[in-house]
Amino acid sequence: MGFLAFLLLGLIAGAIAKAILPGKQAGGWIATLLLGVVGAMLGGWLGGMIFGVDLQGFFSISTWLLAIGGSLIVLLIYGLITGRSRQA
């Protein structure tokens, strides 16, 4: 998968993850892109470690599920970190 396709995948996966999570998350499109790309990388790494699946192609369903799952994990962690820092 090319670099631009990976960025597009991360942006869309991050936006879907933000739509799935309840509540209001901080960050705009740049934060969504960064968290989505990090989430896609995390999802690909976890998928390779646990299930033996890798980020194959842009239109592969396993690629999208791993990227969205990784983005959900990253957004949850990001929400915990930023939620605590605002209260302090």
PDB file of N, CA and C in Angstrom:
ATOM      1  N   MET A   1       0.852  -1.162   0.000  1.00  0.00           N
ATOM      2  CA  MET A   1       0.000   0.000   0.000  1.00  0.00           C
ATOM      3  C   MET A   1       0.901   1.228   0.000  1.00  0.00           C
ATOM      4  N   GLY A   2       0.567   2.199  -0.803  1.00  0.00           N
ATOM      5  CA  GLY A   2       1.365   3.406  -0.904  1.00  0.00           C
ATOM      6  C   GLY A   2       1.165   4.334   0.270  1.00  0.00           C
ATOM      7  N   PHE A   3       2.039   5.323   0.360  1.00  0.00           N
ATOM      8  CA  PHE A   3       2.020   6.259   1.482  1.00  0.00           C
ATOM      9  C   PHE A   3       0.719   7.062   1.510  1.00  0.00           C
ATOM     10  N   LEU A   4       0.286   7.586   0.371  1.00  0.00           N
ATOM     11  CA  LEU A   4      -0.949   8.381   0.337  1.00  0.00           C
ATOM     12  C   LEU A   4      -2.172   7.520   0.647  1.00  0.00           C
ATOM     13  N   ALA A   5      -2.172   6.279   0.180  1.00  0.00           N
ATOM     14  CA  ALA A   5      -3.282   5.380   0.495  1.00  0.00           C
ATOM     15  C   ALA A   5      -3.311   5.084   1.991  1.00  0.00           C
ATOM     16  N   PHE A   6      -2.145   4.952   2.604  1.00  0.00           N
ATOM     17  CA  PHE A   6      -2.067   4.701   4.038  1.00  0.00           C
ATOM     18  C   PHE A   6      -2.579   5.914   4.815  1.00  0.00           C
ATOM     19  N   LEU A   7      -2.250   7.134   4.369  1.00  0.00           N
ATOM     20  CA  LEU A   7      -2.761   8.336   5.023  1.00  0.00           C
ATOM     21  C   LEU A   7      -4.277   8.434   4.882  1.00  0.00           C
ATOM     22  N   LEU A   8      -4.796   8.129   3.698  1.00  0.00           N
ATOM     23  CA  LEU A   8      -6.240   8.161   3.485  1.00  0.00           C
ATOM     24  C   LEU A   8      -6.936   7.110   4.350  1.00  0.00           C
ATOM     25  N   LEU A   9      -6.364   5.928   4.425  1.00  0.00           N
ATOM     26  CA  LEU A   9      -6.900   4.875   5.277  1.00  0.00           C
ATOM     27  C   LEU A   9      -6.924   5.323   6.734  1.00  0.00           C
ATOM     28  N   GLY A  10      -5.839   5.949   7.192  1.00  0.00           N
ATOM     29  CA  GLY A  10      -5.773   6.433   8.567  1.00  0.00           C
ATOM     30  C   GLY A  10      -6.787   7.516   8.856  1.00  0.00           C
ATOM     31  N   LEU A  11      -6.986   8.439   7.907  1.00  0.00           N
ATOM     32  CA  LEU A  11      -7.961   9.509   8.092  1.00  0.00           C
ATOM     33  C   LEU A  11      -9.369   8.944   8.187  1.00  0.00           C
ATOM     34  N   ILE A  12      -9.707   8.048   7.293  1.00  0.00           N
ATOM     35  CA  ILE A  12     -11.055   7.473   7.300  1.00  0.00           C
ATOM     36  C   ILE A  12     -11.256   6.583   8.525  1.00  0.00           C
ATOM     37  N   ALA A  13     -10.258   5.777   8.862  1.00  0.00           N
ATOM     38  CA  ALA A  13     -10.369   4.903  10.044  1.00  0.00           C
ATOM     39  C   ALA A  13     -10.491   5.739  11.311  1.00  0.00           C
ATOM     40  N   GLY A  14      -9.739   6.827  11.409  1.00  0.00           N
ATOM     41  CA  GLY A  14      -9.845   7.713  12.570  1.00  0.00           C
ATOM     42  C   GLY A  14     -11.205   8.377  12.663  1.00  0.00           C
ATOM     43  N   ALA A  15     -11.767   8.799  11.520  1.00  0.00           N
ATOM     44  CA  ALA A  15     -13.092   9.417  11.512  1.00  0.00           C
ATOM     45  C   ALA A  15     -14.165   8.405  11.903  1.00  0.00           C
ATOM     46  N   ILE A  16     -14.056   7.173  11.421  1.00  0.00           N
ATOM     47  CA  ILE A  16     -15.020   6.139  11.792  1.00  0.00           C
ATOM     48  C   ILE A  16     -14.902   5.822  13.277  1.00  0.00           C
ATOM     49  N   ALA A  17     -13.683   5.751  13.780  1.00  0.00           N
ATOM     50  CA  ALA A  17     -13.477   5.479  15.208  1.00  0.00           C
ATOM     51  C   ALA A  17     -14.067   6.595  16.059  1.00  0.00           C
ATOM     52  N   LYS A  18     -13.911   7.851  15.635  1.00  0.00           N
ATOM     53  CA  LYS A  18     -14.500   8.974  16.376  1.00  0.00           C
ATOM     54  C   LYS A  18     -16.022   8.897  16.355  1.00  0.00           C
ATOM     55  N   ALA A  19     -16.586   8.437  15.230  1.00  0.00           N
ATOM     56  CA  ALA A  19     -18.040   8.317  15.138  1.00  0.00           C
ATOM     57  C   ALA A  19     -18.560   7.178  16.004  1.00  0.00           C
ATOM     58  N   ILE A  20     -17.772   6.124  16.170  1.00  0.00           N
ATOM     59  CA  ILE A  20     -18.202   4.971  16.971  1.00  0.00           C
ATOM     60  C   ILE A  20     -18.152   5.277  18.458  1.00  0.00           C
ATOM     61  N   LEU A  21     -17.107   5.976  18.900  1.00  0.00           N
ATOM     62  CA  LEU A  21     -16.946   6.258  20.332  1.00  0.00           C
ATOM     63  C   LEU A  21     -17.978   7.277  20.794  1.00  0.00           C
ATOM     64  N   PRO A  22     -18.605   7.016  21.938  1.00  0.00           N
ATOM     65  CA  PRO A  22     -19.565   7.990  22.456  1.00  0.00           C
ATOM     66  C   PRO A  22     -18.856   9.194  23.060  1.00  0.00           C
ATOM     67  N   GLY A  23     -19.556  10.294  23.122  1.00  0.00           N
ATOM     68  CA  GLY A  23     -18.993  11.498  23.718  1.00  0.00           C
ATOM     69  C   GLY A  23     -18.254  12.339  22.712  1.00  0.00           C
ATOM     70  N   LYS A  24     -17.705  13.426  23.203  1.00  0.00           N
ATOM     71  CA  LYS A  24     -16.999  14.363  22.341  1.00  0.00           C
ATOM     72  C   LYS A  24     -15.501  14.208  22.554  1.00  0.00           C
ATOM     73  N   GLN A  25     -14.780  13.913  21.481  1.00  0.00           N
ATOM     74  CA  GLN A  25     -13.331  13.789  21.546  1.00  0.00           C
ATOM     75  C   GLN A  25     -12.703  15.103  21.098  1.00  0.00           C
ATOM     76  N   ALA A  26     -11.568  15.410  21.683  1.00  0.00           N
ATOM     77  CA  ALA A  26     -10.842  16.611  21.311  1.00  0.00           C
ATOM     78  C   ALA A  26     -10.087  16.380  20.008  1.00  0.00           C
ATOM     79  N   GLY A  27      -9.734  17.446  19.346  1.00  0.00           N
ATOM     80  CA  GLY A  27      -8.918  17.341  18.149  1.00  0.00           C
ATOM     81  C   GLY A  27      -9.729  17.529  16.882  1.00  0.00           C
ATOM     82  N   GLY A  28      -9.086  18.104  15.889  1.00  0.00           N
ATOM     83  CA  GLY A  28      -9.713  18.309  14.595  1.00  0.00           C
ATOM     84  C   GLY A  28      -9.272  17.245  13.608  1.00  0.00           C
ATOM     85  N   TRP A  29      -9.250  17.623  12.327  1.00  0.00           N
ATOM     86  CA  TRP A  29      -8.912  16.665  11.272  1.00  0.00           C
ATOM     87  C   TRP A  29      -7.456  16.253  11.299  1.00  0.00           C
ATOM     88  N   ILE A  30      -6.574  17.166  11.692  1.00  0.00           N
ATOM     89  CA  ILE A  30      -5.151  16.812  11.769  1.00  0.00           C
ATOM     90  C   ILE A  30      -4.938  15.771  12.865  1.00  0.00           C
ATOM     91  N   ALA A  31      -5.560  15.988  14.021  1.00  0.00           N
ATOM     92  CA  ALA A  31      -5.449  15.015  15.114  1.00  0.00           C
ATOM     93  C   ALA A  31      -6.084  13.687  14.709  1.00  0.00           C
ATOM     94  N   THR A  32      -7.208  13.748  13.986  1.00  0.00           N
ATOM     95  CA  THR A  32      -7.848  12.530  13.504  1.00  0.00           C
ATOM     96  C   THR A  32      -6.934  11.773  12.556  1.00  0.00           C
ATOM     97  N   LEU A  33      -6.275  12.497  11.658  1.00  0.00           N
ATOM     98  CA  LEU A  33      -5.351  11.865  10.713  1.00  0.00           C
ATOM     99  C   LEU A  33      -4.195  11.210  11.453  1.00  0.00           C
ATOM    100  N   LEU A  34      -3.590  11.933  12.373  1.00  0.00           N
ATOM    101  CA  LEU A  34      -2.455  11.380  13.106  1.00  0.00           C
ATOM    102  C   LEU A  34      -2.854  10.181  13.960  1.00  0.00           C
ATOM    103  N   LEU A  35      -3.961  10.306  14.683  1.00  0.00           N
ATOM    104  CA  LEU A  35      -4.407   9.195  15.519  1.00  0.00           C
ATOM    105  C   LEU A  35      -4.864   8.018  14.667  1.00  0.00           C
ATOM    106  N   GLY A  36      -5.467   8.288  13.516  1.00  0.00           N
ATOM    107  CA  GLY A  36      -5.884   7.219  12.624  1.00  0.00           C
ATOM    108  C   GLY A  36      -4.707   6.472  12.030  1.00  0.00           C
ATOM    109  N   VAL A  37      -3.661   7.199  11.635  1.00  0.00           N
ATOM    110  CA  VAL A  37      -2.466   6.544  11.086  1.00  0.00           C
ATOM    111  C   VAL A  37      -1.766   5.728  12.165  1.00  0.00           C
ATOM    112  N   VAL A  38      -1.651   6.297  13.361  1.00  0.00           N
ATOM    113  CA  VAL A  38      -1.057   5.545  14.473  1.00  0.00           C
ATOM    114  C   VAL A  38      -1.920   4.326  14.791  1.00  0.00           C
ATOM    115  N   GLY A  39      -3.239   4.503  14.773  1.00  0.00           N
ATOM    116  CA  GLY A  39      -4.144   3.393  15.017  1.00  0.00           C
ATOM    117  C   GLY A  39      -4.060   2.320  13.950  1.00  0.00           C
ATOM    118  N   ALA A  40      -3.914   2.720  12.692  1.00  0.00           N
ATOM    119  CA  ALA A  40      -3.771   1.747  11.612  1.00  0.00           C
ATOM    120  C   ALA A  40      -2.475   0.960  11.777  1.00  0.00           C
ATOM    121  N   MET A  41      -1.416   1.651  12.166  1.00  0.00           N
ATOM    122  CA  MET A  41      -0.152   0.954  12.399  1.00  0.00           C
ATOM    123  C   MET A  41      -0.277   0.002  13.584  1.00  0.00           C
ATOM    124  N   LEU A  42      -0.910   0.456  14.657  1.00  0.00           N
ATOM    125  CA  LEU A  42      -1.118  -0.389  15.830  1.00  0.00           C
ATOM    126  C   LEU A  42      -1.994  -1.592  15.482  1.00  0.00           C
ATOM    127  N   GLY A  43      -3.072  -1.346  14.730  1.00  0.00           N
ATOM    128  CA  GLY A  43      -3.950  -2.436  14.328  1.00  0.00           C
ATOM    129  C   GLY A  43      -3.239  -3.450  13.444  1.00  0.00           C
ATOM    130  N   GLY A  44      -2.405  -2.975  12.520  1.00  0.00           N
ATOM    131  CA  GLY A  44      -1.637  -3.882  11.674  1.00  0.00           C
ATOM    132  C   GLY A  44      -0.642  -4.696  12.477  1.00  0.00           C
ATOM    133  N   TRP A  45      -0.007  -4.055  13.439  1.00  0.00           N
ATOM    134  CA  TRP A  45       0.962  -4.755  14.280  1.00  0.00           C
ATOM    135  C   TRP A  45       0.272  -5.805  15.148  1.00  0.00           C
ATOM    136  N   LEU A  46      -0.844  -5.413  15.802  1.00  0.00           N
ATOM    137  CA  LEU A  46      -1.579  -6.365  16.632  1.00  0.00           C
ATOM    138  C   LEU A  46      -2.180  -7.492  15.800  1.00  0.00           C
ATOM    139  N   GLY A  47      -2.679  -7.156  14.613  1.00  0.00           N
ATOM    140  CA  GLY A  47      -3.231  -8.180  13.740  1.00  0.00           C
ATOM    141  C   GLY A  47      -2.178  -9.182  13.306  1.00  0.00           C
ATOM    142  N   GLY A  48      -0.975  -8.703  13.046  1.00  0.00           N
ATOM    143  CA  GLY A  48       0.112  -9.598  12.683  1.00  0.00           C
ATOM    144  C   GLY A  48       0.558 -10.465  13.848  1.00  0.00           C
ATOM    145  N   MET A  49       0.574  -9.897  15.041  1.00  0.00           N
ATOM    146  CA  MET A  49       1.011 -10.642  16.227  1.00  0.00           C
ATOM    147  C   MET A  49      -0.027 -11.671  16.684  1.00  0.00           C
ATOM    148  N   ILE A  50      -1.285 -11.261  16.713  1.00  0.00           N
ATOM    149  CA  ILE A  50      -2.324 -12.115  17.281  1.00  0.00           C
ATOM    150  C   ILE A  50      -2.930 -13.058  16.237  1.00  0.00           C
ATOM    151  N   PHE A  51      -3.323 -12.502  15.082  1.00  0.00           N
ATOM    152  CA  PHE A  51      -4.074 -13.281  14.095  1.00  0.00           C
ATOM    153  C   PHE A  51      -3.245 -13.713  12.893  1.00  0.00           C
ATOM    154  N   GLY A  52      -2.039 -13.217  12.773  1.00  0.00           N
ATOM    155  CA  GLY A  52      -1.225 -13.532  11.604  1.00  0.00           C
ATOM    156  C   GLY A  52      -1.679 -12.819  10.356  1.00  0.00           C
ATOM    157  N   VAL A  53      -2.443 -11.719  10.509  1.00  0.00           N
ATOM    158  CA  VAL A  53      -2.961 -10.939   9.391  1.00  0.00           C
ATOM    159  C   VAL A  53      -2.165  -9.652   9.309  1.00  0.00           C
ATOM    160  N   ASP A  54      -1.903  -9.184   8.108  1.00  0.00           N
ATOM    161  CA  ASP A  54      -1.148  -7.953   7.909  1.00  0.00           C
ATOM    162  C   ASP A  54      -1.983  -6.986   7.086  1.00  0.00           C
ATOM    163  N   LEU A  55      -1.590  -5.724   7.082  1.00  0.00           N
ATOM    164  CA  LEU A  55      -2.265  -4.732   6.246  1.00  0.00           C
ATOM    165  C   LEU A  55      -1.902  -5.009   4.794  1.00  0.00           C
ATOM    166  N   GLN A  56      -2.797  -5.670   4.073  1.00  0.00           N
ATOM    167  CA  GLN A  56      -2.523  -6.132   2.715  1.00  0.00           C
ATOM    168  C   GLN A  56      -2.739  -5.029   1.689  1.00  0.00           C
ATOM    169  N   GLY A  57      -3.971  -4.744   1.394  1.00  0.00           N
ATOM    170  CA  GLY A  57      -4.309  -3.773   0.363  1.00  0.00           C
ATOM    171  C   GLY A  57      -5.351  -2.808   0.873  1.00  0.00           C
ATOM    172  N   PHE A  58      -5.545  -1.755   0.127  1.00  0.00           N
ATOM    173  CA  PHE A  58      -6.457  -0.693   0.528  1.00  0.00           C
ATOM    174  C   PHE A  58      -7.897  -1.191   0.597  1.00  0.00           C
ATOM    175  N   PHE A  59      -8.295  -2.080  -0.296  1.00  0.00           N
ATOM    176  CA  PHE A  59      -9.684  -2.522  -0.360  1.00  0.00           C
ATOM    177  C   PHE A  59      -9.935  -3.840   0.370  1.00  0.00           C
ATOM    178  N   SER A  60      -8.994  -4.285   1.170  1.00  0.00           N
ATOM    179  CA  SER A  60      -9.157  -5.517   1.938  1.00  0.00           C
ATOM    180  C   SER A  60      -9.950  -5.227   3.211  1.00  0.00           C
ATOM    181  N   ILE A  61     -10.951  -6.057   3.473  1.00  0.00           N
ATOM    182  CA  ILE A  61     -11.787  -5.849   4.656  1.00  0.00           C
ATOM    183  C   ILE A  61     -10.987  -6.029   5.941  1.00  0.00           C
ATOM    184  N   SER A  62     -10.025  -6.942   5.932  1.00  0.00           N
ATOM    185  CA  SER A  62      -9.208  -7.136   7.130  1.00  0.00           C
ATOM    186  C   SER A  62      -8.357  -5.903   7.411  1.00  0.00           C
ATOM    187  N   THR A  63      -7.883  -5.245   6.371  1.00  0.00           N
ATOM    188  CA  THR A  63      -7.117  -4.013   6.545  1.00  0.00           C
ATOM    189  C   THR A  63      -7.961  -2.949   7.225  1.00  0.00           C
ATOM    190  N   TRP A  64      -9.188  -2.780   6.772  1.00  0.00           N
ATOM    191  CA  TRP A  64     -10.068  -1.767   7.333  1.00  0.00           C
ATOM    192  C   TRP A  64     -10.459  -2.091   8.772  1.00  0.00           C
ATOM    193  N   LEU A  65     -10.773  -3.353   9.043  1.00  0.00           N
ATOM    194  CA  LEU A  65     -11.145  -3.720  10.406  1.00  0.00           C
ATOM    195  C   LEU A  65      -9.989  -3.543  11.384  1.00  0.00           C
ATOM    196  N   LEU A  66      -8.786  -3.922  10.948  1.00  0.00           N
ATOM    197  CA  LEU A  66      -7.614  -3.732  11.813  1.00  0.00           C
ATOM    198  C   LEU A  66      -7.327  -2.247  12.034  1.00  0.00           C
ATOM    199  N   ALA A  67      -7.442  -1.440  10.978  1.00  0.00           N
ATOM    200  CA  ALA A  67      -7.176  -0.007  11.102  1.00  0.00           C
ATOM    201  C   ALA A  67      -8.198   0.671  12.006  1.00  0.00           C
ATOM    202  N   ILE A  68      -9.461   0.330  11.854  1.00  0.00           N
ATOM    203  CA  ILE A  68     -10.507   0.928  12.697  1.00  0.00           C
ATOM    204  C   ILE A  68     -10.355   0.460  14.142  1.00  0.00           C
ATOM    205  N   GLY A  69     -10.077  -0.819  14.341  1.00  0.00           N
ATOM    206  CA  GLY A  69      -9.862  -1.328  15.702  1.00  0.00           C
ATOM    207  C   GLY A  69      -8.674  -0.668  16.375  1.00  0.00           C
ATOM    208  N   GLY A  70      -7.581  -0.521  15.641  1.00  0.00           N
ATOM    209  CA  GLY A  70      -6.415   0.160  16.193  1.00  0.00           C
ATOM    210  C   GLY A  70      -6.700   1.619  16.494  1.00  0.00           C
ATOM    211  N   SER A  71      -7.485   2.272  15.623  1.00  0.00           N
ATOM    212  CA  SER A  71      -7.840   3.675  15.853  1.00  0.00           C
ATOM    213  C   SER A  71      -8.720   3.823  17.081  1.00  0.00           C
ATOM    214  N   LEU A  72      -9.618   2.869  17.302  1.00  0.00           N
ATOM    215  CA  LEU A  72     -10.445   2.914  18.510  1.00  0.00           C
ATOM    216  C   LEU A  72      -9.580   2.818  19.765  1.00  0.00           C
ATOM    217  N   ILE A  73      -8.613   1.929  19.745  1.00  0.00           N
ATOM    218  CA  ILE A  73      -7.706   1.779  20.890  1.00  0.00           C
ATOM    219  C   ILE A  73      -6.934   3.067  21.135  1.00  0.00           C
ATOM    220  N   VAL A  74      -6.386   3.647  20.061  1.00  0.00           N
ATOM    221  CA  VAL A  74      -5.593   4.872  20.199  1.00  0.00           C
ATOM    222  C   VAL A  74      -6.469   6.029  20.670  1.00  0.00           C
ATOM    223  N   LEU A  75      -7.699   6.141  20.154  1.00  0.00           N
ATOM    224  CA  LEU A  75      -8.588   7.216  20.594  1.00  0.00           C
ATOM    225  C   LEU A  75      -8.997   7.061  22.054  1.00  0.00           C
ATOM    226  N   LEU A  76      -9.200   5.829  22.491  1.00  0.00           N
ATOM    227  CA  LEU A  76      -9.518   5.613  23.905  1.00  0.00           C
ATOM    228  C   LEU A  76      -8.359   6.039  24.799  1.00  0.00           C
ATOM    229  N   ILE A  77      -7.158   5.664  24.420  1.00  0.00           N
ATOM    230  CA  ILE A  77      -5.982   6.050  25.201  1.00  0.00           C
ATOM    231  C   ILE A  77      -5.794   7.564  25.167  1.00  0.00           C
ATOM    232  N   TYR A  78      -5.960   8.169  23.988  1.00  0.00           N
ATOM    233  CA  TYR A  78      -5.833   9.618  23.845  1.00  0.00           C
ATOM    234  C   TYR A  78      -6.885  10.345  24.696  1.00  0.00           C
ATOM    235  N   GLY A  79      -8.102   9.813  24.723  1.00  0.00           N
ATOM    236  CA  GLY A  79      -9.153  10.410  25.551  1.00  0.00           C
ATOM    237  C   GLY A  79      -8.847  10.322  27.028  1.00  0.00           C
ATOM    238  N   LEU A  80      -8.269   9.222  27.453  1.00  0.00           N
ATOM    239  CA  LEU A  80      -7.889   9.092  28.862  1.00  0.00           C
ATOM    240  C   LEU A  80      -6.786  10.074  29.229  1.00  0.00           C
ATOM    241  N   ILE A  81      -5.826  10.243  28.334  1.00  0.00           N
ATOM    242  CA  ILE A  81      -4.710  11.144  28.614  1.00  0.00           C
ATOM    243  C   ILE A  81      -5.167  12.596  28.628  1.00  0.00           C
ATOM    244  N   THR A  82      -5.924  13.016  27.621  1.00  0.00           N
ATOM    245  CA  THR A  82      -6.346  14.414  27.554  1.00  0.00           C
ATOM    246  C   THR A  82      -7.439  14.729  28.552  1.00  0.00           C
ATOM    247  N   GLY A  83      -8.236  13.733  28.914  1.00  0.00           N
ATOM    248  CA  GLY A  83      -9.295  13.971  29.912  1.00  0.00           C
ATOM    249  C   GLY A  83      -8.728  14.256  31.273  1.00  0.00           C
ATOM    250  N   ARG A  84      -7.662  13.557  31.631  1.00  0.00           N
ATOM    251  CA  ARG A  84      -7.018  13.776  32.928  1.00  0.00           C
ATOM    252  C   ARG A  84      -6.287  15.111  32.988  1.00  0.00           C
ATOM    253  N   SER A  85      -5.666  15.493  31.872  1.00  0.00           N
ATOM    254  CA  SER A  85      -4.878  16.726  31.905  1.00  0.00           C
ATOM    255  C   SER A  85      -5.775  17.958  31.977  1.00  0.00           C
ATOM    256  N   ARG A  86      -7.009  17.882  31.495  1.00  0.00           N
ATOM    257  CA  ARG A  86      -7.901  19.021  31.555  1.00  0.00           C
ATOM    258  C   ARG A  86      -8.440  19.233  32.959  1.00  0.00           C
ATOM    259  N   GLN A  87      -8.605  18.152  33.728  1.00  0.00           N
ATOM    260  CA  GLN A  87      -9.163  18.266  35.065  1.00  0.00           C
ATOM    261  C   GLN A  87      -8.139  18.793  36.061  1.00  0.00           C
ATOM    262  N   ALA A  88      -6.870  18.593  35.780  1.00  0.00           N
ATOM    263  CA  ALA A  88      -5.836  19.004  36.729  1.00  0.00           C
ATOM    264  C   ALA A  88      -5.584  20.482  36.677  1.00  0.00           C
TER     265      ALA A  88
END
